[in-house]
Amino acid sequence: MKQVRVQVRVQVVDQVGDQVEDQVWDQVWDQVWVQVWDQVRDQVWDQVRDQVWDQVRDQVWDRVGDQVEDQVWGQVRDQVREQTR
């Protein structure tokens, strides 16, 4: 009889232990996953945003710079032509 009680107690402890372990592990895993995912997402977003912004800024600045340079150079060239006539 004593052995049966010991076996039942061991089984109950094992089951309860497994359930508690599963619950705790699930909670910890969820928290860790959420934190890690948030950090990774924020880092990736920052990097992508910075890269895209740098590229767009460089492209726009190059275009605008070229256009302004062309316009100014064209005006200066026209003025020099008129003055030298």
Protein backbone atom coordinates (compact mmCIF):
# COMPACT_ATOMS: atom_id res chain seq x y z
CA MET A 1 0.00 0.00 0.00
CA LYS A 2 2.83 2.35 0.85
CA GLN A 3 4.41 1.74 -2.55
CA VAL A 4 1.15 2.56 -4.30
CA ARG A 5 0.91 5.86 -2.44
CA VAL A 6 4.52 6.68 -3.28
CA GLN A 7 3.88 5.88 -6.95
CA VAL A 8 0.73 7.99 -7.01
CA ARG A 9 2.54 10.85 -5.31
CA VAL A 10 5.41 10.61 -7.81
CA GLN A 11 2.96 10.61 -10.71
CA VAL A 12 1.04 13.59 -9.32
CA VAL A 13 4.26 15.51 -8.66
CA ASP A 14 5.47 14.68 -12.16
CA GLN A 15 2.21 15.82 -13.76
CA VAL A 16 1.98 18.99 -11.72
CA GLY A 17 5.66 19.67 -12.29
CA ASP A 18 5.24 19.21 -16.03
CA GLN A 19 2.21 21.49 -16.14
CA VAL A 20 3.91 24.19 -14.10
CA GLU A 21 7.06 23.86 -16.18
CA ASP A 22 5.05 24.10 -19.40
CA GLN A 23 3.13 27.16 -18.20
CA VAL A 24 6.23 28.93 -16.94
CA TRP A 25 8.15 28.06 -20.09
CA ASP A 26 5.29 29.29 -22.28
CA GLN A 27 5.09 32.58 -20.38
CA VAL A 28 8.84 33.11 -20.38
CA TRP A 29 9.09 32.16 -24.05
CA ASP A 30 6.27 34.53 -24.98
CA GLN A 31 7.87 37.41 -23.06
CA VAL A 32 11.32 36.72 -24.47
CA TRP A 33 9.93 36.32 -27.99
CA VAL A 34 7.99 39.58 -27.78
CA GLN A 35 11.00 41.50 -26.43
CA VAL A 36 13.40 40.02 -28.96
CA TRP A 37 10.96 40.54 -31.82
CA ASP A 38 10.36 44.16 -30.79
CA GLN A 39 14.08 44.87 -30.59
CA VAL A 40 14.88 43.15 -33.86
CA ARG A 41 11.96 44.83 -35.61
CA ASP A 42 12.98 48.25 -34.30
CA GLN A 43 16.62 47.75 -35.28
CA VAL A 44 15.75 46.46 -38.74
CA TRP A 45 13.24 49.25 -39.26
CA ASP A 46 15.77 51.88 -38.19
CA GLN A 47 18.43 50.46 -40.49
CA VAL A 48 16.11 50.13 -43.46
CA ARG A 49 14.67 53.59 -42.90
CA ASP A 50 18.14 55.10 -42.61
CA GLN A 51 19.40 53.33 -45.73
CA VAL A 52 16.35 54.20 -47.79
CA TRP A 53 16.41 57.79 -46.56
CA ASP A 54 20.11 58.13 -47.39
CA GLN A 55 19.57 56.71 -50.87
CA VAL A 56 16.53 58.85 -51.59
CA ARG A 57 18.25 61.94 -50.22
CA ASP A 58 21.36 61.28 -52.28
CA GLN A 59 19.35 60.65 -55.46
CA VAL A 60 17.11 63.69 -54.98
CA TRP A 61 20.04 65.87 -54.02
CA ASP A 62 22.03 64.71 -57.05
CA ARG A 63 19.10 65.43 -59.38
CA VAL A 64 18.30 68.79 -57.84
CA GLY A 65 21.99 69.67 -57.77
CA ASP A 66 22.39 68.75 -61.43
CA GLN A 67 19.28 70.71 -62.43
CA VAL A 68 20.30 73.79 -60.45
CA GLU A 69 23.84 73.57 -61.78
CA ASP A 70 22.55 73.24 -65.35
CA GLN A 71 20.17 76.19 -64.94
CA VAL A 72 22.75 78.43 -63.31
CA TRP A 73 25.43 77.45 -65.79
CA GLY A 74 23.00 78.06 -68.67
CA GLN A 75 22.11 81.51 -67.34
CA VAL A 76 25.76 82.43 -66.81
CA ARG A 77 26.63 81.18 -70.30
CA ASP A 78 23.76 83.19 -71.82
CA GLN A 79 24.82 86.35 -69.96
CA VAL A 80 28.43 85.93 -71.04
CA ARG A 81 27.31 85.47 -74.66
CA GLU A 82 25.17 88.63 -74.53
CA GLN A 83 27.95 90.68 -72.96
CA THR A 84 30.56 89.53 -75.45
CA ARG A 85 28.41 90.33 -78.50
